[in-house]
Every structure is written in structure tokens, then in C-alpha cells.
PDB file of N, CA and C in Angstrom:
ATOM      1  N   GLN A   1      -5.717 -17.591  -5.280  1.00  0.00           N
ATOM      2  CA  GLN A   1      -6.242 -17.097  -6.219  1.00  0.00           C
ATOM      3  C   GLN A   1      -5.356 -15.684  -6.959  1.00  0.00           C
ATOM      4  N   VAL A   2      -5.157 -15.178  -6.004  1.00  0.00           N
ATOM      5  CA  VAL A   2      -5.200 -13.572  -6.290  1.00  0.00           C
ATOM      6  C   VAL A   2      -3.330 -13.372  -5.506  1.00  0.00           C
ATOM      7  N   GLN A   3      -2.353 -13.122  -6.238  1.00  0.00           N
ATOM      8  CA  GLN A   3      -1.066 -13.135  -5.713  1.00  0.00           C
ATOM      9  C   GLN A   3      -0.607 -11.600  -6.138  1.00  0.00           C
ATOM     10  N   LEU A   4       0.172 -11.313  -4.982  1.00  0.00           N
ATOM     11  CA  LEU A   4       0.831  -9.792  -4.327  1.00  0.00           C
ATOM     12  C   LEU A   4       2.509  -9.791  -4.368  1.00  0.00           C
ATOM     13  N   VAL A   5       2.960  -9.095  -4.887  1.00  0.00           N
ATOM     14  CA  VAL A   5       4.763  -8.947  -4.575  1.00  0.00           C
ATOM     15  C   VAL A   5       4.855  -7.546  -4.511  1.00  0.00           C
ATOM     16  N   GLU A   6       5.071  -7.133  -3.188  1.00  0.00           N
ATOM     17  CA  GLU A   6       5.843  -5.939  -3.033  1.00  0.00           C
ATOM     18  C   GLU A   6       7.247  -5.725  -2.951  1.00  0.00           C
ATOM     19  N   SER A   7       7.672  -4.502  -3.451  1.00  0.00           N
ATOM     20  CA  SER A   7       9.166  -3.933  -3.653  1.00  0.00           C
ATOM     21  C   SER A   7       9.058  -2.743  -3.642  1.00  0.00           C
ATOM     22  N   GLY A   8      10.406  -2.261  -3.724  1.00  0.00           N
ATOM     23  CA  GLY A   8      10.694  -0.740  -3.454  1.00  0.00           C
ATOM     24  C   GLY A   8      10.995  -0.155  -2.014  1.00  0.00           C
ATOM     25  N   GLY A   9      10.886  -0.884  -0.983  1.00  0.00           N
ATOM     26  CA  GLY A   9      10.976  -0.512   0.039  1.00  0.00           C
ATOM     27  C   GLY A   9      13.250  -0.459   0.768  1.00  0.00           C
ATOM     28  N   GLY A  10      13.105   0.382   1.338  1.00  0.00           N
ATOM     29  CA  GLY A  10      14.769   0.589   1.500  1.00  0.00           C
ATOM     30  C   GLY A  10      14.704   1.205   2.598  1.00  0.00           C
ATOM     31  N   LEU A  11      16.210   1.947   2.971  1.00  0.00           N
ATOM     32  CA  LEU A  11      16.529   3.033   3.820  1.00  0.00           C
ATOM     33  C   LEU A  11      16.641   4.127   3.572  1.00  0.00           C
ATOM     34  N   VAL A  12      15.823   5.668   4.108  1.00  0.00           N
ATOM     35  CA  VAL A  12      15.923   6.728   3.729  1.00  0.00           C
ATOM     36  C   VAL A  12      15.755   7.536   4.890  1.00  0.00           C
ATOM     37  N   GLN A  13      16.493   8.902   4.748  1.00  0.00           N
ATOM     38  CA  GLN A  13      16.428   9.850   5.675  1.00  0.00           C
ATOM     39  C   GLN A  13      15.256  10.337   6.353  1.00  0.00           C
ATOM     40  N   ALA A  14      15.027  10.647   7.242  1.00  0.00           N
ATOM     41  CA  ALA A  14      13.889  11.738   6.989  1.00  0.00           C
ATOM     42  C   ALA A  14      13.446  12.983   6.341  1.00  0.00           C
ATOM     43  N   GLY A  15      12.557  12.870   5.930  1.00  0.00           N
ATOM     44  CA  GLY A  15      12.155  13.548   4.522  1.00  0.00           C
ATOM     45  C   GLY A  15      12.562  13.482   3.222  1.00  0.00           C
ATOM     46  N   GLY A  16      12.897  11.972   3.126  1.00  0.00           N
ATOM     47  CA  GLY A  16      12.990  11.321   1.884  1.00  0.00           C
ATOM     48  C   GLY A  16      11.533  10.657   1.347  1.00  0.00           C
ATOM     49  N   SER A  17      11.770  10.192   0.510  1.00  0.00           N
ATOM     50  CA  SER A  17      10.990   9.411  -0.483  1.00  0.00           C
ATOM     51  C   SER A  17      11.086   7.833  -1.161  1.00  0.00           C
ATOM     52  N   LEU A  18      10.467   7.303  -1.100  1.00  0.00           N
ATOM     53  CA  LEU A  18      10.391   6.263  -1.838  1.00  0.00           C
ATOM     54  C   LEU A  18       9.257   5.947  -2.458  1.00  0.00           C
ATOM     55  N   ARG A  19       8.861   4.487  -3.792  1.00  0.00           N
ATOM     56  CA  ARG A  19       8.339   4.017  -4.600  1.00  0.00           C
ATOM     57  C   ARG A  19       7.763   2.883  -4.611  1.00  0.00           C
ATOM     58  N   LEU A  20       6.842   2.272  -3.677  1.00  0.00           N
ATOM     59  CA  LEU A  20       6.894   0.996  -3.766  1.00  0.00           C
ATOM     60  C   LEU A  20       5.839   0.737  -4.574  1.00  0.00           C
ATOM     61  N   SER A  21       5.752  -1.035  -4.636  1.00  0.00           N
ATOM     62  CA  SER A  21       5.273  -1.224  -6.261  1.00  0.00           C
ATOM     63  C   SER A  21       4.313  -2.313  -5.768  1.00  0.00           C
ATOM     64  N   CYS A  22       2.901  -2.727  -5.994  1.00  0.00           N
ATOM     65  CA  CYS A  22       2.217  -4.115  -5.684  1.00  0.00           C
ATOM     66  C   CYS A  22       1.925  -4.197  -6.831  1.00  0.00           C
ATOM     67  N   ALA A  23       3.180  -5.711  -7.311  1.00  0.00           N
ATOM     68  CA  ALA A  23       2.420  -6.497  -8.436  1.00  0.00           C
ATOM     69  C   ALA A  23       1.233  -7.524  -8.466  1.00  0.00           C
ATOM     70  N   VAL A  24       0.451  -7.588  -9.259  1.00  0.00           N
ATOM     71  CA  VAL A  24      -0.982  -8.061  -8.488  1.00  0.00           C
ATOM     72  C   VAL A  24      -1.002  -9.520  -9.950  1.00  0.00           C
ATOM     73  N   SER A  25      -1.387 -10.574  -9.690  1.00  0.00           N
ATOM     74  CA  SER A  25      -1.767 -11.599 -10.607  1.00  0.00           C
ATOM     75  C   SER A  25      -2.695 -12.306 -10.090  1.00  0.00           C
ATOM     76  N   GLY A  26      -3.433 -13.067 -10.957  1.00  0.00           N
ATOM     77  CA  GLY A  26      -4.238 -13.841 -10.290  1.00  0.00           C
ATOM     78  C   GLY A  26      -5.918 -13.661 -10.859  1.00  0.00           C
ATOM     79  N   ASN A  27      -6.508 -14.291 -10.237  1.00  0.00           N
ATOM     80  CA  ASN A  27      -8.194 -13.606 -10.549  1.00  0.00           C
ATOM     81  C   ASN A  27      -8.518 -12.368  -9.733  1.00  0.00           C
ATOM     82  N   THR A  28      -8.574 -11.764 -10.142  1.00  0.00           N
ATOM     83  CA  THR A  28      -8.814 -10.083  -9.156  1.00  0.00           C
ATOM     84  C   THR A  28     -10.689  -9.430  -9.972  1.00  0.00           C
ATOM     85  N   PHE A  29     -10.866 -11.061 -10.389  1.00  0.00           N
ATOM     86  CA  PHE A  29     -12.510 -10.317 -11.005  1.00  0.00           C
ATOM     87  C   PHE A  29     -13.740  -9.792  -9.377  1.00  0.00           C
ATOM     88  N   SER A  30     -13.291 -10.250  -8.239  1.00  0.00           N
ATOM     89  CA  SER A  30     -14.349 -10.264  -7.250  1.00  0.00           C
ATOM     90  C   SER A  30     -13.355  -9.442  -6.187  1.00  0.00           C
ATOM     91  N   LEU A  31     -11.695  -9.132  -6.029  1.00  0.00           N
ATOM     92  CA  LEU A  31     -11.471  -8.666  -4.878  1.00  0.00           C
ATOM     93  C   LEU A  31     -10.288  -7.585  -6.210  1.00  0.00           C
ATOM     94  N   ASN A  32     -11.460  -6.131  -6.427  1.00  0.00           N
ATOM     95  CA  ASN A  32     -10.296  -5.659  -7.556  1.00  0.00           C
ATOM     96  C   ASN A  32      -9.844  -4.118  -7.095  1.00  0.00           C
ATOM     97  N   ALA A  33     -10.168  -4.460  -5.854  1.00  0.00           N
ATOM     98  CA  ALA A  33      -9.458  -3.270  -5.456  1.00  0.00           C
ATOM     99  C   ALA A  33      -8.247  -3.478  -4.368  1.00  0.00           C
ATOM    100  N   ILE A  34      -7.231  -2.264  -3.964  1.00  0.00           N
ATOM    101  CA  ILE A  34      -5.810  -2.878  -3.864  1.00  0.00           C
ATOM    102  C   ILE A  34      -5.775  -2.079  -2.349  1.00  0.00           C
ATOM    103  N   GLY A  35      -5.400  -2.266  -1.168  1.00  0.00           N
ATOM    104  CA  GLY A  35      -4.906  -1.426  -0.216  1.00  0.00           C
ATOM    105  C   GLY A  35      -3.569  -1.498   0.190  1.00  0.00           C
ATOM    106  N   TRP A  36      -3.128  -0.509   0.642  1.00  0.00           N
ATOM    107  CA  TRP A  36      -1.955  -0.575   1.758  1.00  0.00           C
ATOM    108  C   TRP A  36      -1.807  -0.533   2.896  1.00  0.00           C
ATOM    109  N   TYR A  37      -1.480  -1.497   3.604  1.00  0.00           N
ATOM    110  CA  TYR A  37      -1.036  -1.481   5.215  1.00  0.00           C
ATOM    111  C   TYR A  37       0.166  -1.316   5.813  1.00  0.00           C
ATOM    112  N   ARG A  38       0.743  -1.018   6.486  1.00  0.00           N
ATOM    113  CA  ARG A  38       1.822  -1.228   7.655  1.00  0.00           C
ATOM    114  C   ARG A  38       2.300  -1.465   8.775  1.00  0.00           C
ATOM    115  N   GLN A  39       3.078  -2.224   9.085  1.00  0.00           N
ATOM    116  CA  GLN A  39       3.439  -2.983  10.662  1.00  0.00           C
ATOM    117  C   GLN A  39       4.201  -2.869  10.647  1.00  0.00           C
ATOM    118  N   ALA A  40       4.405  -2.349  12.120  1.00  0.00           N
ATOM    119  CA  ALA A  40       5.681  -1.590  13.194  1.00  0.00           C
ATOM    120  C   ALA A  40       5.646  -2.652  13.923  1.00  0.00           C
ATOM    121  N   PRO A  41       7.187  -2.857  14.364  1.00  0.00           N
ATOM    122  CA  PRO A  41       7.154  -4.359  15.107  1.00  0.00           C
ATOM    123  C   PRO A  41       6.232  -4.265  16.541  1.00  0.00           C
ATOM    124  N   GLY A  42       5.435  -5.154  16.806  1.00  0.00           N
ATOM    125  CA  GLY A  42       4.746  -4.917  18.236  1.00  0.00           C
ATOM    126  C   GLY A  42       3.533  -3.806  18.152  1.00  0.00           C
ATOM    127  N   ARG A  43       3.304  -3.811  17.056  1.00  0.00           N
ATOM    128  CA  ARG A  43       1.860  -3.044  16.739  1.00  0.00           C
ATOM    129  C   ARG A  43       0.956  -4.003  15.720  1.00  0.00           C
ATOM    130  N   ARG A  44      -0.140  -3.567  15.776  1.00  0.00           N
ATOM    131  CA  ARG A  44      -1.148  -4.057  14.784  1.00  0.00           C
ATOM    132  C   ARG A  44      -1.274  -3.743  13.467  1.00  0.00           C
ATOM    133  N   ARG A  45      -1.134  -4.411  12.516  1.00  0.00           N
ATOM    134  CA  ARG A  45      -1.011  -3.616  11.519  1.00  0.00           C
ATOM    135  C   ARG A  45      -1.924  -2.882  10.730  1.00  0.00           C
ATOM    136  N   GLU A  46      -2.205  -1.683   9.733  1.00  0.00           N
ATOM    137  CA  GLU A  46      -2.978  -0.580  10.176  1.00  0.00           C
ATOM    138  C   GLU A  46      -2.982  -0.086   8.577  1.00  0.00           C
ATOM    139  N   TRP A  47      -4.113   0.220   8.325  1.00  0.00           N
ATOM    140  CA  TRP A  47      -4.589   0.826   6.753  1.00  0.00           C
ATOM    141  C   TRP A  47      -4.126   1.948   6.589  1.00  0.00           C
ATOM    142  N   VAL A  48      -3.061   1.961   5.684  1.00  0.00           N
ATOM    143  CA  VAL A  48      -2.836   3.442   5.708  1.00  0.00           C
ATOM    144  C   VAL A  48      -3.430   4.021   3.871  1.00  0.00           C
ATOM    145  N   ALA A  49      -3.965   3.127   3.018  1.00  0.00           N
ATOM    146  CA  ALA A  49      -4.568   3.988   1.576  1.00  0.00           C
ATOM    147  C   ALA A  49      -5.279   2.515   0.736  1.00  0.00           C
ATOM    148  N   ALA A  50      -5.621   3.299  -0.260  1.00  0.00           N
ATOM    149  CA  ALA A  50      -6.573   2.100  -0.663  1.00  0.00           C
ATOM    150  C   ALA A  50      -6.963   2.574  -2.118  1.00  0.00           C
ATOM    151  N   ILE A  51      -7.172   1.914  -2.758  1.00  0.00           N
ATOM    152  CA  ILE A  51      -7.486   2.518  -4.688  1.00  0.00           C
ATOM    153  C   ILE A  51      -8.508   1.511  -5.270  1.00  0.00           C
ATOM    154  N   SER A  52      -9.578   2.100  -5.615  1.00  0.00           N
ATOM    155  CA  SER A  52     -10.428   1.336  -6.346  1.00  0.00           C
ATOM    156  C   SER A  52     -10.639   0.681  -7.618  1.00  0.00           C
ATOM    157  N   SER A  53     -11.277  -0.399  -8.141  1.00  0.00           N
ATOM    158  CA  SER A  53     -10.737  -0.369  -9.877  1.00  0.00           C
ATOM    159  C   SER A  53     -10.955   0.780 -10.536  1.00  0.00           C
ATOM    160  N   GLY A  54     -11.216   1.748 -10.588  1.00  0.00           N
ATOM    161  CA  GLY A  54     -11.930   3.016 -11.445  1.00  0.00           C
ATOM    162  C   GLY A  54     -10.717   3.771 -10.669  1.00  0.00           C
ATOM    163  N   GLY A  55     -10.008   4.283  -9.725  1.00  0.00           N
ATOM    164  CA  GLY A  55      -9.102   4.986  -9.435  1.00  0.00           C
ATOM    165  C   GLY A  55      -9.064   6.138  -8.147  1.00  0.00           C
ATOM    166  N   GLY A  56     -10.552   5.799  -7.857  1.00  0.00           N
ATOM    167  CA  GLY A  56     -10.555   6.397  -6.765  1.00  0.00           C
ATOM    168  C   GLY A  56      -9.508   5.871  -5.434  1.00  0.00           C
ATOM    169  N   THR A  57      -9.402   7.112  -4.659  1.00  0.00           N
ATOM    170  CA  THR A  57      -8.218   6.530  -3.552  1.00  0.00           C
ATOM    171  C   THR A  57      -9.045   7.473  -2.301  1.00  0.00           C
ATOM    172  N   ASN A  58      -8.402   6.581  -0.988  1.00  0.00           N
ATOM    173  CA  ASN A  58      -8.803   7.138   0.193  1.00  0.00           C
ATOM    174  C   ASN A  58      -7.010   6.629   0.832  1.00  0.00           C
ATOM    175  N   TYR A  59      -7.128   7.577   2.055  1.00  0.00           N
ATOM    176  CA  TYR A  59      -5.916   7.386   2.959  1.00  0.00           C
ATOM    177  C   TYR A  59      -6.722   7.910   4.043  1.00  0.00           C
ATOM    178  N   ALA A  60      -5.788   7.012   4.694  1.00  0.00           N
ATOM    179  CA  ALA A  60      -5.415   7.191   6.453  1.00  0.00           C
ATOM    180  C   ALA A  60      -5.003   8.562   6.601  1.00  0.00           C
ATOM    181  N   ASP A  61      -5.259   9.819   7.901  1.00  0.00           N
ATOM    182  CA  ASP A  61      -5.104  10.844   8.000  1.00  0.00           C
ATOM    183  C   ASP A  61      -3.978  10.900   8.444  1.00  0.00           C
ATOM    184  N   SER A  62      -2.580   9.752   9.273  1.00  0.00           N
ATOM    185  CA  SER A  62      -1.668   9.865   9.297  1.00  0.00           C
ATOM    186  C   SER A  62      -0.514  10.578   7.833  1.00  0.00           C
ATOM    187  N   VAL A  63      -1.283   9.954   6.813  1.00  0.00           N
ATOM    188  CA  VAL A  63      -0.265   9.989   5.665  1.00  0.00           C
ATOM    189  C   VAL A  63      -1.291  10.977   4.715  1.00  0.00           C
ATOM    190  N   LYS A  64      -2.079  11.349   4.552  1.00  0.00           N
ATOM    191  CA  LYS A  64      -2.894  12.557   3.678  1.00  0.00           C
ATOM    192  C   LYS A  64      -1.723  13.891   3.585  1.00  0.00           C
ATOM    193  N   GLY A  65      -1.383  13.803   2.048  1.00  0.00           N
ATOM    194  CA  GLY A  65      -0.688  15.148   2.008  1.00  0.00           C
ATOM    195  C   GLY A  65       0.458  14.212   1.842  1.00  0.00           C
ATOM    196  N   ARG A  66       1.169  13.097   1.986  1.00  0.00           N
ATOM    197  CA  ARG A  66       2.718  12.986   1.700  1.00  0.00           C
ATOM    198  C   ARG A  66       2.593  11.324   1.087  1.00  0.00           C
ATOM    199  N   PHE A  67       1.489  10.891   0.919  1.00  0.00           N
ATOM    200  CA  PHE A  67       1.429   9.582   0.373  1.00  0.00           C
ATOM    201  C   PHE A  67       0.597   9.750  -0.592  1.00  0.00           C
ATOM    202  N   THR A  68       0.983   8.789  -2.064  1.00  0.00           N
ATOM    203  CA  THR A  68      -0.400   8.949  -3.441  1.00  0.00           C
ATOM    204  C   THR A  68      -0.010   7.293  -3.782  1.00  0.00           C
ATOM    205  N   ILE A  69      -1.174   6.677  -3.413  1.00  0.00           N
ATOM    206  CA  ILE A  69      -1.783   5.687  -4.253  1.00  0.00           C
ATOM    207  C   ILE A  69      -2.263   5.767  -6.194  1.00  0.00           C
ATOM    208  N   SER A  70      -1.582   4.953  -6.295  1.00  0.00           N
ATOM    209  CA  SER A  70      -2.002   4.996  -8.175  1.00  0.00           C
ATOM    210  C   SER A  70      -1.922   3.416  -8.826  1.00  0.00           C
ATOM    211  N   ARG A  71      -2.555   3.586  -9.816  1.00  0.00           N
ATOM    212  CA  ARG A  71      -2.223   1.340 -10.556  1.00  0.00           C
ATOM    213  C   ARG A  71      -2.106   1.920 -11.749  1.00  0.00           C
ATOM    214  N   ASP A  72      -1.633   1.453 -12.391  1.00  0.00           N
ATOM    215  CA  ASP A  72      -2.080   0.775 -13.868  1.00  0.00           C
ATOM    216  C   ASP A  72      -2.079  -0.216 -14.249  1.00  0.00           C
ATOM    217  N   ASN A  73      -3.208  -0.490 -14.653  1.00  0.00           N
ATOM    218  CA  ASN A  73      -4.281  -2.033 -14.846  1.00  0.00           C
ATOM    219  C   ASN A  73      -3.508  -2.465 -15.831  1.00  0.00           C
ATOM    220  N   ALA A  74      -3.103  -1.794 -16.934  1.00  0.00           N
ATOM    221  CA  ALA A  74      -2.143  -2.309 -18.279  1.00  0.00           C
ATOM    222  C   ALA A  74      -1.048  -3.271 -17.887  1.00  0.00           C
ATOM    223  N   LYS A  75      -0.330  -2.521 -16.131  1.00  0.00           N
ATOM    224  CA  LYS A  75       0.753  -3.607 -16.236  1.00  0.00           C
ATOM    225  C   LYS A  75       0.317  -4.139 -14.604  1.00  0.00           C
ATOM    226  N   ASN A  76      -0.721  -4.190 -14.885  1.00  0.00           N
ATOM    227  CA  ASN A  76      -1.209  -4.824 -12.869  1.00  0.00           C
ATOM    228  C   ASN A  76      -0.608  -4.764 -12.000  1.00  0.00           C
ATOM    229  N   THR A  77      -0.080  -3.288 -11.701  1.00  0.00           N
ATOM    230  CA  THR A  77       0.410  -2.963 -10.902  1.00  0.00           C
ATOM    231  C   THR A  77       0.057  -1.514 -10.159  1.00  0.00           C
ATOM    232  N   VAL A  78      -0.092  -1.733  -8.716  1.00  0.00           N
ATOM    233  CA  VAL A  78      -0.220  -0.728  -7.799  1.00  0.00           C
ATOM    234  C   VAL A  78       1.117   0.196  -7.441  1.00  0.00           C
ATOM    235  N   TYR A  79       0.779   1.102  -7.308  1.00  0.00           N
ATOM    236  CA  TYR A  79       1.918   2.012  -6.311  1.00  0.00           C
ATOM    237  C   TYR A  79       1.766   2.683  -5.576  1.00  0.00           C
ATOM    238  N   LEU A  80       2.337   3.030  -4.465  1.00  0.00           N
ATOM    239  CA  LEU A  80       2.482   3.517  -3.691  1.00  0.00           C
ATOM    240  C   LEU A  80       3.727   4.827  -3.038  1.00  0.00           C
ATOM    241  N   GLN A  81       3.117   6.127  -3.883  1.00  0.00           N
ATOM    242  CA  GLN A  81       4.676   7.135  -3.606  1.00  0.00           C
ATOM    243  C   GLN A  81       4.569   7.642  -1.836  1.00  0.00           C
ATOM    244  N   ILE A  82       5.888   7.693  -0.974  1.00  0.00           N
ATOM    245  CA  ILE A  82       5.653   7.920  -0.007  1.00  0.00           C
ATOM    246  C   ILE A  82       6.849   9.001   0.053  1.00  0.00           C
ATOM    247  N   ASN A  83       6.161  10.337   0.319  1.00  0.00           N
ATOM    248  CA  ASN A  83       6.963  11.272   0.305  1.00  0.00           C
ATOM    249  C   ASN A  83       7.745  11.906   2.177  1.00  0.00           C
ATOM    250  N   SER A  84       7.913  12.698   1.976  1.00  0.00           N
ATOM    251  CA  SER A  84       8.197  13.796   3.455  1.00  0.00           C
ATOM    252  C   SER A  84       8.434  12.310   4.654  1.00  0.00           C
ATOM    253  N   LEU A  85       8.922  11.352   4.608  1.00  0.00           N
ATOM    254  CA  LEU A  85       9.321  10.497   5.542  1.00  0.00           C
ATOM    255  C   LEU A  85       9.908  10.867   6.689  1.00  0.00           C
ATOM    256  N   LYS A  86       8.546  10.432   7.408  1.00  0.00           N
ATOM    257  CA  LYS A  86       8.966  10.316   8.930  1.00  0.00           C
ATOM    258  C   LYS A  86       9.537   8.625   9.866  1.00  0.00           C
ATOM    259  N   PRO A  87      10.420   8.992  10.888  1.00  0.00           N
ATOM    260  CA  PRO A  87      11.218   7.826  11.752  1.00  0.00           C
ATOM    261  C   PRO A  87       9.456   7.019  11.433  1.00  0.00           C
ATOM    262  N   GLU A  88       8.513   7.755  12.377  1.00  0.00           N
ATOM    263  CA  GLU A  88       7.004   6.700  12.272  1.00  0.00           C
ATOM    264  C   GLU A  88       6.559   5.959  11.127  1.00  0.00           C
ATOM    265  N   ASP A  89       6.878   6.279  10.026  1.00  0.00           N
ATOM    266  CA  ASP A  89       6.541   5.693   8.834  1.00  0.00           C
ATOM    267  C   ASP A  89       7.601   4.470   8.994  1.00  0.00           C
ATOM    268  N   THR A  90       8.488   3.945   9.653  1.00  0.00           N
ATOM    269  CA  THR A  90       9.186   2.911   9.705  1.00  0.00           C
ATOM    270  C   THR A  90       8.401   1.568   9.961  1.00  0.00           C
ATOM    271  N   ALA A  91       8.389   0.731   9.133  1.00  0.00           N
ATOM    272  CA  ALA A  91       7.345  -0.150   8.833  1.00  0.00           C
ATOM    273  C   ALA A  91       7.809  -1.157   7.946  1.00  0.00           C
ATOM    274  N   VAL A  92       6.623  -2.423   7.900  1.00  0.00           N
ATOM    275  CA  VAL A  92       7.021  -3.376   6.706  1.00  0.00           C
ATOM    276  C   VAL A  92       5.429  -2.848   6.308  1.00  0.00           C
ATOM    277  N   TYR A  93       5.825  -2.985   5.056  1.00  0.00           N
ATOM    278  CA  TYR A  93       4.177  -2.331   4.144  1.00  0.00           C
ATOM    279  C   TYR A  93       3.456  -3.097   3.122  1.00  0.00           C
ATOM    280  N   TYR A  94       2.469  -3.702   3.228  1.00  0.00           N
ATOM    281  CA  TYR A  94       1.722  -4.432   2.588  1.00  0.00           C
ATOM    282  C   TYR A  94       1.107  -4.368   1.565  1.00  0.00           C
ATOM    283  N   CYS A  95       0.600  -4.976   0.969  1.00  0.00           N
ATOM    284  CA  CYS A  95      -0.433  -4.468   0.263  1.00  0.00           C
ATOM    285  C   CYS A  95      -1.370  -5.733   0.267  1.00  0.00           C
ATOM    286  N   ASN A  96      -2.944  -5.625  -0.528  1.00  0.00           N
ATOM    287  CA  ASN A  96      -3.928  -6.224  -0.091  1.00  0.00           C
ATOM    288  C   ASN A  96      -5.099  -6.013  -1.136  1.00  0.00           C
ATOM    289  N   ALA A  97      -5.360  -7.483  -1.379  1.00  0.00           N
ATOM    290  CA  ALA A  97      -6.389  -7.342  -2.035  1.00  0.00           C
ATOM    291  C   ALA A  97      -7.777  -7.459  -1.485  1.00  0.00           C
ATOM    292  N   GLY A  98      -8.630  -6.302  -2.057  1.00  0.00           N
ATOM    293  CA  GLY A  98     -10.128  -6.720  -1.637  1.00  0.00           C
ATOM    294  C   GLY A  98     -10.923  -5.995  -2.521  1.00  0.00           C
ATOM    295  N   ARG A  99     -11.824  -5.102  -2.177  1.00  0.00           N
ATOM    296  CA  ARG A  99     -13.202  -4.305  -2.933  1.00  0.00           C
ATOM    297  C   ARG A  99     -13.601  -3.160  -2.093  1.00  0.00           C
ATOM    298  N   TYR A 100     -14.004  -2.362  -2.909  1.00  0.00           N
ATOM    299  CA  TYR A 100     -14.742  -1.160  -2.367  1.00  0.00           C
ATOM    300  C   TYR A 100     -16.473  -1.747  -2.338  1.00  0.00           C
ATOM    301  N   ILE A 101     -16.944  -1.664  -1.183  1.00  0.00           N
ATOM    302  CA  ILE A 101     -18.870  -1.154  -1.212  1.00  0.00           C
ATOM    303  C   ILE A 101     -19.062   0.344  -0.900  1.00  0.00           C
ATOM    304  N   GLY A 102     -19.510   0.694  -1.906  1.00  0.00           N
ATOM    305  CA  GLY A 102     -19.608   1.919  -1.860  1.00  0.00           C
ATOM    306  C   GLY A 102     -18.354   3.031  -2.248  1.00  0.00           C
ATOM    307  N   SER A 103     -18.329   4.066  -1.082  1.00  0.00           N
ATOM    308  CA  SER A 103     -16.972   4.286  -0.603  1.00  0.00           C
ATOM    309  C   SER A 103     -15.901   4.038   0.058  1.00  0.00           C
ATOM    310  N   ASP A 104     -16.371   2.856   0.837  1.00  0.00           N
ATOM    311  CA  ASP A 104     -15.822   2.102   1.703  1.00  0.00           C
ATOM    312  C   ASP A 104     -14.914   1.163   1.297  1.00  0.00           C
ATOM    313  N   TYR A 105     -13.447   0.734   1.657  1.00  0.00           N
ATOM    314  CA  TYR A 105     -12.500  -0.034   1.150  1.00  0.00           C
ATOM    315  C   TYR A 105     -13.031  -0.931   2.313  1.00  0.00           C
ATOM    316  N   TYR A 106     -13.086  -2.036   2.093  1.00  0.00           N
ATOM    317  CA  TYR A 106     -12.944  -3.899   3.201  1.00  0.00           C
ATOM    318  C   TYR A 106     -11.158  -4.551   2.043  1.00  0.00           C
ATOM    319  N   GLY A 107     -10.652  -4.663   3.475  1.00  0.00           N
ATOM    320  CA  GLY A 107      -9.734  -5.659   2.665  1.00  0.00           C
ATOM    321  C   GLY A 107      -9.978  -6.827   3.264  1.00  0.00           C
ATOM    322  N   GLY A 108      -9.139  -8.211   2.184  1.00  0.00           N
ATOM    323  CA  GLY A 108      -9.154  -9.351   1.856  1.00  0.00           C
ATOM    324  C   GLY A 108      -8.540  -9.892   2.467  1.00  0.00           C
ATOM    325  N   GLY A 109      -8.611 -11.237   2.315  1.00  0.00           N
ATOM    326  CA  GLY A 109      -7.951 -12.610   2.650  1.00  0.00           C
ATOM    327  C   GLY A 109      -6.359 -12.355   1.937  1.00  0.00           C
ATOM    328  N   TYR A 110      -6.275 -11.762   0.969  1.00  0.00           N
ATOM    329  CA  TYR A 110      -4.845 -12.244   0.482  1.00  0.00           C
ATOM    330  C   TYR A 110      -4.108 -10.621   0.232  1.00  0.00           C
ATOM    331  N   TRP A 111      -2.685 -11.053   0.779  1.00  0.00           N
ATOM    332  CA  TRP A 111      -1.467 -10.237   1.491  1.00  0.00           C
ATOM    333  C   TRP A 111      -0.324 -10.625   0.355  1.00  0.00           C
ATOM    334  N   GLY A 112       0.856  -9.911  -0.027  1.00  0.00           N
ATOM    335  CA  GLY A 112       1.758  -9.822  -0.318  1.00  0.00           C
ATOM    336  C   GLY A 112       2.879 -10.552   0.582  1.00  0.00           C
ATOM    337  N   GLN A 113       4.092 -10.594   0.503  1.00  0.00           N
ATOM    338  CA  GLN A 113       5.197 -11.017   1.277  1.00  0.00           C
ATOM    339  C   GLN A 113       5.644  -9.589   2.401  1.00  0.00           C
ATOM    340  N   GLY A 114       5.066  -8.628   1.511  1.00  0.00           N
ATOM    341  CA  GLY A 114       5.613  -7.317   2.336  1.00  0.00           C
ATOM    342  C   GLY A 114       7.009  -6.542   2.419  1.00  0.00           C
ATOM    343  N   THR A 115       7.205  -5.357   2.525  1.00  0.00           N
ATOM    344  CA  THR A 115       8.703  -4.689   1.698  1.00  0.00           C
ATOM    345  C   THR A 115       8.683  -3.797   3.229  1.00  0.00           C
ATOM    346  N   GLN A 116      10.316  -3.611   3.037  1.00  0.00           N
ATOM    347  CA  GLN A 116      10.709  -3.033   4.440  1.00  0.00           C
ATOM    348  C   GLN A 116      11.205  -1.819   4.185  1.00  0.00           C
ATOM    349  N   VAL A 117      10.640  -0.548   4.957  1.00  0.00           N
ATOM    350  CA  VAL A 117      10.719   0.733   5.244  1.00  0.00           C
ATOM    351  C   VAL A 117      11.280   0.901   6.413  1.00  0.00           C
ATOM    352  N   THR A 118      12.578   1.655   6.132  1.00  0.00           N
ATOM    353  CA  THR A 118      13.499   2.294   7.491  1.00  0.00           C
ATOM    354  C   THR A 118      13.717   3.758   6.998  1.00  0.00           C
ATOM    355  N   VAL A 119      12.775   4.438   8.204  1.00  0.00           N
ATOM    356  CA  VAL A 119      13.128   6.122   7.810  1.00  0.00           C
ATOM    357  C   VAL A 119      13.777   6.603   8.989  1.00  0.00           C
ATOM    358  N   SER A 120      15.573   7.097   8.854  1.00  0.00           N
ATOM    359  CA  SER A 120      16.447   7.306  10.065  1.00  0.00           C
ATOM    360  C   SER A 120      15.897   8.756  10.468  1.00  0.00           C
ATOM    361  N   SER A 121      16.444   9.163  11.472  1.00  0.00           N
ATOM    362  CA  SER A 121      16.581  10.585  11.857  1.00  0.00           C
ATOM    363  C   SER A 121      17.534  11.466  11.924  1.00  0.00           C
TER     364      SER A 121
END
């Protein structure tokens, strides 16, 4: 019902920046919020940021001040600007269709294919 396609990953040096995109299509009536997650080899997938249908945002402590999530509803696209990158940010980044209940983001079962971000030291 919901299709997600990530893009924009790549190889950057520590301190560099990337802009990730998540193209959203399908029925987003119920799952109208988007979260970004990342997963490094051998580690569990972790939540990093989320944005509500109205543009409210939340961030994991590890990325506050460095990452910015935004959305362009007219283009059905959600962005994640990732700045001041560190080697520990290296991971596959995924977007997820979910929803907000109150001020809390709850991830759903719809994922994109992921985009690789590699940060060299």
C-alpha cells in the first residue's frame, strides 16, 4: 500500500554532508508520518529521526544538531540532511512509513530498500 524509495547515499569524508531523499507513493492516509532509521553491520536497526504530517520533528540524541528531517508534501518526498558526519554514522539508511500518536512516532511495517552512507576518517 505504501512504497518508499531512498536515494542520495554515498562516500564522504568525516565532517562532510549528504542529503538523503525518500520518495513516497501509495496510500499514506493512515501511515502519514515518516521516520529515518539506520543499520550498521551486526547491529540492530536504530531510529534517528521522524517527521509528522504537519512537519513536527524528533531526533535521536546521537544526531541532534547534525541531522535535519524535512518534507515536501507536494512532491511526496521526505529529506534527511546529514551534516558533520562521523565514521560511526556509517550505515544503511532506511525510511519508514509510520504515524504519530500524540508527540511520539510509531514505525510501521513499510520500508524502502535503503541507501548506503559511508563516512571515512
